[in-house]
Protein backbone atom coordinates (compact mmCIF):
# COMPACT_ATOMS: atom_id res chain seq x y z
CA MET A 1 60.44 19.58 41.28
CA THR A 2 63.23 17.15 40.99
CA GLU A 3 66.40 17.40 43.10
CA PHE A 4 69.93 17.20 41.65
CA ASN A 5 73.15 16.93 43.29
CA LEU A 6 75.80 16.59 40.27
CA TYR A 7 76.25 18.67 37.14
CA ARG A 8 78.48 18.27 34.07
CA VAL A 9 79.34 21.33 31.80
CA TYR A 10 80.11 21.13 28.21
CA TYR A 11 81.54 24.23 26.41
CA TYR A 12 81.01 23.83 22.82
CA SER A 13 83.05 25.03 19.83
CA ALA A 14 80.61 23.87 17.14
CA ALA A 15 79.04 25.99 14.50
CA GLN A 16 76.36 23.53 13.76
CA TYR A 17 74.80 23.98 17.38
CA ASP A 18 72.75 27.03 18.44
CA TRP A 19 73.99 26.99 21.82
CA ASP A 20 77.46 27.66 23.43
CA VAL A 21 77.08 25.70 26.64
CA ARG A 22 75.29 22.61 27.80
CA ILE A 23 74.95 21.50 31.46
CA ASP A 24 73.63 18.04 32.26
CA LEU A 25 71.97 17.75 35.60
CA TYR A 26 72.00 14.42 37.70
CA MET A 27 70.69 12.92 40.98
CA SER A 28 73.53 10.56 41.72
CA ALA A 29 74.00 8.72 38.37
CA ALA A 30 70.42 9.48 37.10
CA ALA A 31 69.98 12.21 34.50
CA VAL A 32 67.23 14.66 35.64
CA GLY A 33 67.57 17.73 33.41
CA THR A 34 69.60 19.55 30.69
CA LEU A 35 70.25 23.26 30.48
CA PHE A 36 71.12 24.84 27.09
CA PHE A 37 72.58 28.36 26.90
CA MET A 38 71.93 29.81 23.49
CA LYS A 39 74.60 31.70 21.29
CA ALA A 40 74.34 35.58 21.37
CA GLY A 41 71.74 36.48 18.83
CA HIS A 42 70.02 33.22 18.68
CA PRO A 43 66.37 32.97 19.91
CA ILE A 44 65.53 31.18 23.06
CA PRO A 45 63.47 27.93 22.14
CA VAL A 46 60.56 26.82 24.12
CA ASN A 47 61.45 24.56 27.17
CA THR A 48 60.54 20.88 26.43
CA ILE A 49 60.68 17.45 28.01
CA SER A 50 62.83 14.80 26.18
CA GLY A 51 62.69 11.30 27.30
CA GLY A 52 61.11 12.34 30.51
CA ILE A 53 63.88 14.95 31.24
CA PRO A 54 63.25 18.70 31.26
CA ARG A 55 65.30 20.72 28.78
CA LEU A 56 65.50 24.17 29.72
CA TYR A 57 66.79 27.06 27.42
CA TYR A 58 68.61 30.39 28.48
CA SER A 59 70.67 33.07 26.89
CA ILE A 60 74.37 32.70 27.14
CA ARG A 61 74.24 35.91 29.25
CA ASP A 62 72.77 33.90 32.06
CA PHE A 63 75.54 31.31 32.10
CA PRO A 64 77.92 33.18 34.72
CA ALA A 65 74.80 33.49 37.15
CA MET A 66 73.83 29.89 36.79
CA MET A 67 77.39 28.53 37.37
CA SER A 68 77.51 30.70 40.54
CA MET A 69 74.21 29.12 41.69
CA LEU A 70 75.36 25.61 40.80
CA ARG A 71 78.59 26.20 42.79
CA GLU A 72 77.15 27.71 45.81
CA GLU A 73 73.76 26.46 46.44
CA LYS A 74 72.36 23.31 47.71
CA PRO A 75 69.78 21.60 47.72
CA LEU A 76 68.99 22.60 44.14
CA PHE A 77 66.02 21.51 42.12
CA VAL A 78 64.99 21.38 38.26
CA ASN A 79 61.41 21.79 37.18
CA LEU A 80 59.38 22.32 34.06
CA ASN A 81 55.74 23.16 34.16
CA GLU A 82 54.34 21.55 31.01
CA ALA A 83 51.17 23.55 31.04
CA ASN A 84 52.89 26.97 30.57
CA GLY A 85 56.26 25.90 29.61
CA VAL A 86 58.05 27.78 32.51
CA GLY A 87 61.32 25.97 33.69
CA THR A 88 63.14 26.76 36.81
CA ILE A 89 66.22 25.97 38.69
CA SER A 90 65.50 26.66 42.28
CA THR A 91 66.88 26.39 45.97
CA SER A 92 64.84 25.32 48.90
CA ASN A 93 63.79 27.77 51.50
CA GLU A 94 67.13 29.51 52.45
CA PRO A 95 67.76 31.64 55.57
CA VAL A 96 68.37 35.28 55.15
CA GLY A 97 71.85 36.46 55.39
CA GLU A 98 73.75 33.12 55.34
CA GLN A 99 76.42 34.44 53.15
CA GLU A 100 77.09 31.53 51.03
CA GLY A 101 80.18 31.92 48.82
CA VAL A 102 81.71 34.65 50.99
């Protein structure tokens, strides 16, 4: 798992891409991951590593929940298990009932 503390959102208007939104993840200035949110009706590609950086793919339906997580949680981590292709964005252990975002 690699921690990240910054993100940059790109909301595309481009017919040539299969995704609507791309989010780059950073630890300070170093890129540590990229999230792609596929256009409605497009298949979700297999998660990959490119240049040592995980590229995780989600449905565009997941974008609001991911933005909520990015805005309200910390610390956050990105991970890709290359053995099975499962990618995650996760928190650390969180206390029950802390009511973040309220």
